[in-house]
Each structure stands twice: as structure tokens, then as C-alpha cells.
Amino acid sequence: MSTQEKKELSSAGGFIAGAIAACGAVTVTNPIEIVKTRLQLQGELHARGEVKKIYTGLFQALTVILKNEGIRGWQRGLTCAYVYQIGLNGCRLGFYEPIRSALAGYLLNNRQDSTLGINIFSGAASGIMGAIAGSPFFLVKTRMQSYSPVFQVGTQTHYTSLFDGLSQIYKNEGITGLYRGCGSAIVRTGAGSSVQLPIYNYCKSLLQEHKLVGDGPGQHLLSSAVSGLGVCFVMNPWDVIMTRMYNQRGNLYSGLLDCLVKTVRIEGPLALYKGFFAHLMRIGPHTILTLTFMEQTRKLMMWVEGVDY
């Protein structure tokens, strides 16, 4: 062969890079995730005005939690969040590029080329893989973050740790209990993943094509911000449904569609956008941090594997 095929970052390298980037981001955004979770559960299956609001907004909720539960209240479920991010974003960010390049090579005969359809499919597929891998950890995380010894919002389940949560669920519900609500997680994550990286890559290419922002942190930051906004609009309704499916005990909801119908019928369509501002304030910085860190962690892993970049 006169030319040697360009070496690419391995799937394992991409997984590790994605996991490190996501864990760094979740350290900063976990307190906002707790607020989002509690806002989405507040007034669950009650008509508007029937239940007095404990949390009225992002900053008020952060203040209430800090005042009554301390710094530990801001970081409930952080260990679960780390493990979940390794499973979810390690797959979502680590496997996106291998899937995309494989499809491009098969369909377009050029692994470096791509189309919008290939980007969307690759994002959704890698996101669904991550949702399945991380589902048991998100289940425990949701229940730990919704729990408050002071104010009760939604179903309250007390776990002392990730292991305690997994053990209790397995003991009481078996292996299927660990994957309760997984279907809603697949829909939610697939929807978010299908737009996150395609929007990011599209904005980045536009900035490069029109020379609006030079290559570097500024370009990554702007592309990430636009991507985060798009993800929030698409994902919030499914995020509300998933939070409620995971947090329930017993059979309050029989499935994703049952939860969707009951929520809209009793609380109205706007209930699907409960916690939207908190979600945006969480997913915006989280997306910016994750994708910005990802640029650096991918370069680190490429250096480790001896791949040119």
C-alpha cells in the first residue's frame, strides 16, 4: 500500500476520555441537578394550586437546601452521579465517533465524511447504550437526590450510599427493579443525544467555515452553549417523565405513556416543563464543561495511544 490508513482513537480511549470529561462536569453541576429533580417532583399528580410550593425557583431552592441540609444536601447522590456519568457519557461521547465513522465508511465510502442523518443516528445510538448501562445508578441517584429529612417532595426513599440503594432495590424488587424506568431513560437520553453532538459539531463547523471564532476554547464554549440550549428544549418533557418513573414506589405509573398521560391530564401540559430553568442552568454548564473537557481529554488519550491530532 502506498498510503497508510490514518490511526484513530480506540473505543476504549474514547470511552475513558468521555467518562473523565463528564465526571469533571458533574462535580460542578450536581447541586443544580438536585434542585431540578425536586422541582420536577413537586406537585406530582396534583392540580395547580393544590399543593403549597416549597421550592419556587433555582436560586431560592439552592438557598433552602443549603440552609436546612448544609453542603452535604447540595451533593446528595454525587457518587451515584459519578458512576452514572461514566456509564452514560462514556458511551455517549466515547462511542459516538466510532459509530459515526463506521456508518460513514459503510454508507459513504469515506469515514471522514458525514450527513445529518448519520450524526443524529450515531448520537441516539450511543446515548441509548449509555442510558442502559447507567440506568441502575440513575435510579439510586434520583431517589437519593429527591430525599430530604426536612421537606418531602415526591416519594421519599432513604439510602445511605450507592451500594445500600442497589442492595435494597435488588433485595425487594430483584434484577428487574434495578432497571425500573429504563424505557423512559432510553427515550429521554436518545432524544438528548440525537441533538447534542450534531448541534455542537454543526455550530463548530459554521464558526470555522465563516471564521467567526478561531479554533480554541472560545469556539468550543460557544458551540457547547448552543448545543446545551437545544438539548434542554428537546429533553425536558422526557426528563420529567423519567424522574417520576425512577422515583416512584409501587405502581403509581404502569409505564412511560401512563406517566405522560396522567401528568398532562392532572397537571396540564406545562408540567412537562417543570424545572426547565434549573434544567437549562444545569445542562448548559454541564454540556459546556463536558464538551470543553472532552476536547482536552480526547487529545490526552490520543497522545497516550500515539494517535496524531
Protein backbone atom coordinates (compact mmCIF):
# COMPACT_ATOMS: atom_id res chain seq x y z
CA MET A 1 0.00 0.00 0.00
CA SER A 2 1.32 3.38 -0.94
CA THR A 3 -0.58 5.17 1.79
CA GLN A 4 -1.13 4.06 5.33
CA GLU A 5 -4.63 4.33 6.83
CA LYS A 6 -4.78 7.02 9.47
CA LYS A 7 -4.82 5.61 13.01
CA GLU A 8 -7.86 6.59 15.04
CA LEU A 9 -8.55 6.78 18.76
CA SER A 10 -9.77 3.42 20.06
CA SER A 11 -13.25 2.87 21.50
CA ALA A 12 -11.68 2.29 24.91
CA GLY A 13 -9.76 5.56 24.63
CA GLY A 14 -12.90 7.42 23.62
CA PHE A 15 -14.84 5.85 26.49
CA ILE A 16 -12.22 6.91 29.05
CA ALA A 17 -11.99 10.42 27.61
CA GLY A 18 -15.78 10.82 27.73
CA ALA A 19 -16.04 9.46 31.26
CA ILE A 20 -13.35 11.77 32.66
CA ALA A 21 -14.87 14.81 30.96
CA ALA A 22 -18.37 14.04 32.24
CA CYS A 23 -17.27 13.41 35.84
CA GLY A 24 -15.45 16.72 35.91
CA ALA A 25 -18.59 18.49 34.74
CA VAL A 26 -20.98 16.76 37.17
CA THR A 27 -18.88 17.83 40.15
CA VAL A 28 -19.85 21.43 39.39
CA THR A 29 -23.49 20.89 38.35
CA ASN A 30 -24.72 18.33 40.93
CA PRO A 31 -26.41 20.92 43.22
CA ILE A 32 -28.47 22.21 40.29
CA GLU A 33 -29.39 18.62 39.37
CA ILE A 34 -30.82 18.16 42.87
CA VAL A 35 -32.95 21.30 42.51
CA LYS A 36 -34.17 20.19 39.07
CA THR A 37 -35.17 16.78 40.42
CA ARG A 38 -37.17 18.25 43.32
CA LEU A 39 -38.88 20.87 41.14
CA GLN A 40 -39.96 18.14 38.72
CA LEU A 41 -41.45 16.08 41.56
CA GLN A 42 -43.09 19.00 43.37
CA GLY A 43 -46.89 18.87 43.00
CA GLU A 44 -46.76 15.42 41.39
CA LEU A 45 -50.25 14.41 40.21
CA HIS A 46 -51.87 17.41 41.91
CA ALA A 47 -53.72 20.15 40.06
CA ARG A 48 -52.11 23.58 40.04
CA GLY A 49 -52.56 25.34 43.38
CA GLU A 50 -53.48 22.22 45.37
CA VAL A 51 -50.05 21.87 46.95
CA LYS A 52 -48.03 24.63 48.58
CA LYS A 53 -44.70 25.09 46.81
CA ILE A 54 -41.62 24.51 48.93
CA TYR A 55 -39.28 25.39 46.08
CA THR A 56 -40.17 28.39 43.91
CA GLY A 57 -37.09 28.61 41.72
CA LEU A 58 -33.48 27.62 41.23
CA PHE A 59 -31.74 30.11 43.48
CA GLN A 60 -34.42 30.00 46.20
CA ALA A 61 -34.21 26.19 46.22
CA LEU A 62 -30.42 26.22 46.45
CA THR A 63 -30.69 28.57 49.42
CA VAL A 64 -33.38 26.47 51.16
CA ILE A 65 -31.39 23.25 50.71
CA LEU A 66 -28.16 24.83 51.93
CA LYS A 67 -29.89 26.38 54.96
CA ASN A 68 -31.69 23.19 56.04
CA GLU A 69 -29.40 20.40 54.82
CA GLY A 70 -25.97 22.01 54.58
CA ILE A 71 -23.32 21.48 51.92
CA ARG A 72 -24.00 17.74 52.01
CA GLY A 73 -27.53 18.50 50.88
CA TRP A 74 -26.10 20.10 47.76
CA GLN A 75 -24.09 17.00 46.93
CA ARG A 76 -26.57 14.20 47.62
CA GLY A 77 -26.03 11.30 45.26
CA LEU A 78 -22.69 12.61 43.96
CA THR A 79 -21.05 9.17 43.99
CA CYS A 80 -24.03 7.77 42.07
CA ALA A 81 -23.70 10.66 39.63
CA TYR A 82 -20.03 9.86 39.02
CA VAL A 83 -20.71 6.19 38.29
CA TYR A 84 -23.72 7.09 36.15
CA GLN A 85 -21.71 9.60 34.13
CA ILE A 86 -19.03 7.00 33.47
CA GLY A 87 -21.65 4.66 32.04
CA LEU A 88 -23.77 7.24 30.23
CA ASN A 89 -21.32 9.76 28.88
CA GLY A 90 -18.51 7.27 28.47
CA CYS A 91 -20.78 5.50 25.98
CA ARG A 92 -22.46 8.59 24.56
CA LEU A 93 -19.32 10.59 23.91
CA GLY A 94 -16.89 7.71 23.56
CA PHE A 95 -18.88 5.62 21.08
CA TYR A 96 -20.40 8.47 19.04
CA GLU A 97 -17.38 8.97 16.83
CA PRO A 98 -16.66 5.24 16.20
CA ILE A 99 -20.33 4.65 15.25
CA ARG A 100 -20.39 7.77 13.06
CA SER A 101 -17.18 6.95 11.24
CA ALA A 102 -18.19 3.30 10.74
CA LEU A 103 -21.54 4.33 9.24
CA ALA A 104 -19.89 6.97 7.06
CA GLY A 105 -17.39 4.42 5.81
CA TYR A 106 -20.13 1.89 5.03
CA LEU A 107 -22.70 4.27 3.52
CA LEU A 108 -20.50 7.00 2.02
CA ASN A 109 -17.24 5.10 1.46
CA ASN A 110 -15.46 7.84 3.39
CA ARG A 111 -15.03 7.59 7.16
CA GLN A 112 -14.21 11.30 7.41
CA ASP A 113 -17.42 12.38 5.65
CA SER A 114 -20.86 12.52 7.26
CA THR A 115 -24.51 13.57 6.92
CA LEU A 116 -27.07 14.98 9.34
CA GLY A 117 -28.88 11.63 9.41
CA ILE A 118 -25.70 9.75 10.29
CA ASN A 119 -24.91 12.26 13.04
CA ILE A 120 -28.40 12.01 14.56
CA PHE A 121 -28.44 8.20 14.43
CA SER A 122 -24.95 7.96 15.93
CA GLY A 123 -25.87 10.36 18.74
CA ALA A 124 -29.08 8.50 19.56
CA ALA A 125 -27.45 5.06 19.41
CA SER A 126 -24.55 5.98 21.65
CA GLY A 127 -26.93 7.73 24.06
CA ILE A 128 -29.21 4.70 24.33
CA MET A 129 -26.20 2.47 25.05
CA GLY A 130 -25.25 4.83 27.86
CA ALA A 131 -28.79 5.02 29.26
CA ILE A 132 -28.98 1.25 29.57
CA ALA A 133 -25.52 0.99 31.14
CA GLY A 134 -26.21 3.75 33.66
CA SER A 135 -29.88 3.10 34.47
CA PRO A 136 -29.48 1.39 37.89
CA PHE A 137 -27.18 4.17 39.08
CA PHE A 138 -29.53 6.91 37.89
CA LEU A 139 -32.36 5.14 39.72
CA VAL A 140 -30.48 5.32 43.04
CA LYS A 141 -29.25 8.85 42.29
CA THR A 142 -32.79 10.14 41.66
CA ARG A 143 -34.11 8.68 44.90
CA MET A 144 -31.15 9.96 46.93
CA GLN A 145 -31.46 13.46 45.47
CA SER A 146 -35.23 13.67 45.96
CA TYR A 147 -34.90 12.66 49.63
CA SER A 148 -34.89 15.42 52.22
CA PRO A 149 -35.06 14.97 56.01
CA VAL A 150 -36.77 18.37 56.24
CA PHE A 151 -39.13 18.84 53.26
CA GLN A 152 -40.89 15.97 51.50
CA VAL A 153 -41.34 16.33 47.75
CA GLY A 154 -42.50 13.27 45.85
CA THR A 155 -41.94 9.76 47.14
CA GLN A 156 -39.23 9.67 49.82
CA THR A 157 -36.76 6.79 49.89
CA HIS A 158 -33.69 6.95 52.12
CA TYR A 159 -30.47 5.25 51.03
CA THR A 160 -27.19 5.78 52.86
CA SER A 161 -25.00 5.09 49.81
CA LEU A 162 -24.98 3.83 46.24
CA PHE A 163 -24.31 0.27 47.43
CA ASP A 164 -27.10 0.49 50.01
CA GLY A 165 -29.53 1.66 47.35
CA LEU A 166 -28.61 -1.05 44.86
CA SER A 167 -28.76 -3.69 47.60
CA GLN A 168 -32.19 -2.60 48.86
CA ILE A 169 -33.68 -2.44 45.38
CA TYR A 170 -32.28 -5.84 44.41
CA LYS A 171 -33.46 -7.40 47.69
CA ASN A 172 -37.00 -6.04 47.38
CA GLU A 173 -37.56 -5.99 43.61
CA GLY A 174 -34.96 -8.26 42.05
CA ILE A 175 -32.86 -7.54 38.99
CA THR A 176 -35.83 -6.07 37.11
CA GLY A 177 -36.23 -3.49 39.88
CA LEU A 178 -32.78 -2.13 39.07
CA TYR A 179 -33.98 -1.34 35.56
CA ARG A 180 -37.33 0.19 36.53
CA GLY A 181 -37.94 3.20 34.31
CA CYS A 182 -35.18 2.24 31.89
CA GLY A 183 -37.53 2.68 28.93
CA SER A 184 -38.13 6.32 29.81
CA ALA A 185 -34.38 6.81 30.22
CA ILE A 186 -33.79 5.42 26.74
CA VAL A 187 -36.31 7.84 25.20
CA ARG A 188 -35.00 10.81 27.20
CA THR A 189 -31.33 10.11 26.57
CA GLY A 190 -31.85 9.14 22.95
CA ALA A 191 -33.69 12.43 22.33
CA GLY A 192 -30.98 14.50 24.02
CA SER A 193 -28.07 12.61 22.50
CA SER A 194 -29.53 12.79 18.99
CA VAL A 195 -29.21 16.59 19.04
CA GLN A 196 -26.30 17.30 21.42
CA LEU A 197 -23.29 16.33 19.35
CA PRO A 198 -24.84 17.09 15.93
CA ILE A 199 -25.67 20.66 17.04
CA TYR A 200 -22.24 21.03 18.63
CA ASN A 201 -20.44 19.80 15.50
CA TYR A 202 -22.66 21.90 13.19
CA CYS A 203 -22.05 25.11 15.17
CA LYS A 204 -18.35 24.36 15.35
CA SER A 205 -18.16 23.84 11.58
CA LEU A 206 -20.09 27.07 10.93
CA LEU A 207 -17.75 29.05 13.16
CA GLN A 208 -14.76 27.52 11.37
CA GLU A 209 -16.21 27.96 7.88
CA HIS A 210 -17.07 31.65 8.35
CA LYS A 211 -14.02 32.30 10.54
CA LEU A 212 -16.22 33.85 13.24
CA VAL A 213 -14.20 32.41 16.14
CA GLY A 214 -10.75 30.88 15.91
CA ASP A 215 -10.05 27.29 16.96
CA GLY A 216 -9.71 27.10 20.72
CA PRO A 217 -11.69 27.34 23.99
CA GLY A 218 -13.89 30.20 22.72
CA GLN A 219 -15.11 28.17 19.76
CA HIS A 220 -15.73 25.11 21.97
CA LEU A 221 -17.56 27.23 24.57
CA LEU A 222 -19.92 28.88 22.08
CA SER A 223 -20.71 25.61 20.28
CA SER A 224 -21.36 23.90 23.61
CA ALA A 225 -23.72 26.67 24.77
CA VAL A 226 -25.89 26.42 21.66
CA SER A 227 -25.88 22.62 21.93
CA GLY A 228 -26.97 22.77 25.58
CA LEU A 229 -29.96 25.00 24.76
CA GLY A 230 -31.13 22.65 22.02
CA VAL A 231 -30.78 19.59 24.25
CA CYS A 232 -32.81 21.22 27.04
CA PHE A 233 -35.80 22.03 24.79
CA VAL A 234 -35.90 18.52 23.34
CA MET A 235 -35.22 16.58 26.52
CA ASN A 236 -37.10 18.34 29.35
CA PRO A 237 -40.52 16.62 28.91
CA TRP A 238 -38.89 13.20 28.88
CA ASP A 239 -36.67 14.22 31.78
CA VAL A 240 -39.75 14.97 33.91
CA ILE A 241 -41.29 11.61 33.00
CA MET A 242 -38.07 9.74 33.71
CA THR A 243 -37.58 11.42 37.10
CA ARG A 244 -41.09 10.39 38.17
CA MET A 245 -40.74 6.86 36.83
CA TYR A 246 -37.50 6.36 38.75
CA ASN A 247 -38.67 7.98 41.97
CA GLN A 248 -41.96 6.08 42.30
CA ARG A 249 -42.50 3.20 44.68
CA GLY A 250 -45.17 0.61 43.96
CA ASN A 251 -47.09 1.08 40.73
CA LEU A 252 -48.04 4.74 40.61
CA TYR A 253 -47.28 4.59 36.89
CA SER A 254 -47.54 1.46 34.78
CA GLY A 255 -45.19 2.79 32.15
CA LEU A 256 -43.87 5.77 30.21
CA LEU A 257 -47.13 6.56 28.39
CA ASP A 258 -49.21 6.15 31.55
CA CYS A 259 -46.95 8.64 33.35
CA LEU A 260 -47.14 11.06 30.42
CA VAL A 261 -50.95 10.89 30.20
CA LYS A 262 -51.52 11.21 33.96
CA THR A 263 -49.11 14.13 34.27
CA VAL A 264 -50.67 16.11 31.40
CA ARG A 265 -54.26 15.27 32.37
CA ILE A 266 -53.92 16.24 36.04
CA GLU A 267 -51.26 18.96 36.00
CA GLY A 268 -51.57 20.29 32.45
CA PRO A 269 -49.11 20.29 29.51
CA LEU A 270 -46.78 22.82 31.14
CA ALA A 271 -45.99 20.23 33.82
CA LEU A 272 -43.72 18.63 31.24
CA TYR A 273 -41.54 21.73 31.51
CA LYS A 274 -41.34 21.80 35.29
CA GLY A 275 -37.83 22.66 36.37
CA PHE A 276 -36.96 23.92 32.87
CA PHE A 277 -34.84 26.85 34.05
CA ALA A 278 -32.99 24.65 36.55
CA HIS A 279 -32.56 22.07 33.79
CA LEU A 280 -31.18 24.71 31.44
CA MET A 281 -28.87 26.08 34.13
CA ARG A 282 -27.68 22.56 34.82
CA ILE A 283 -27.44 21.20 31.28
CA GLY A 284 -25.94 24.39 29.85
CA PRO A 285 -22.86 24.48 32.11
CA HIS A 286 -22.74 20.66 32.14
CA THR A 287 -22.73 20.48 28.34
CA ILE A 288 -20.21 23.31 28.06
CA LEU A 289 -17.90 21.74 30.64
CA THR A 290 -18.28 18.19 29.31
CA LEU A 291 -17.62 19.02 25.67
CA THR A 292 -14.87 21.51 26.50
CA PHE A 293 -13.17 18.97 28.77
CA MET A 294 -13.77 16.34 26.07
CA GLU A 295 -11.64 18.25 23.58
CA GLN A 296 -8.75 18.05 26.04
CA THR A 297 -9.31 14.50 27.34
CA ARG A 298 -9.53 13.19 23.76
CA LYS A 299 -6.18 14.84 22.98
CA LEU A 300 -4.74 13.30 26.14
CA MET A 301 -5.95 9.81 25.19
CA MET A 302 -4.76 10.29 21.60
CA TRP A 303 -1.33 11.21 22.99
CA VAL A 304 -1.38 8.10 25.20
CA GLU A 305 -2.29 5.88 22.23
CA GLY A 306 0.11 7.61 19.85
CA VAL A 307 -2.62 8.96 17.54
CA ASP A 308 -1.95 12.14 15.57
CA TYR A 309 -4.26 15.09 16.26
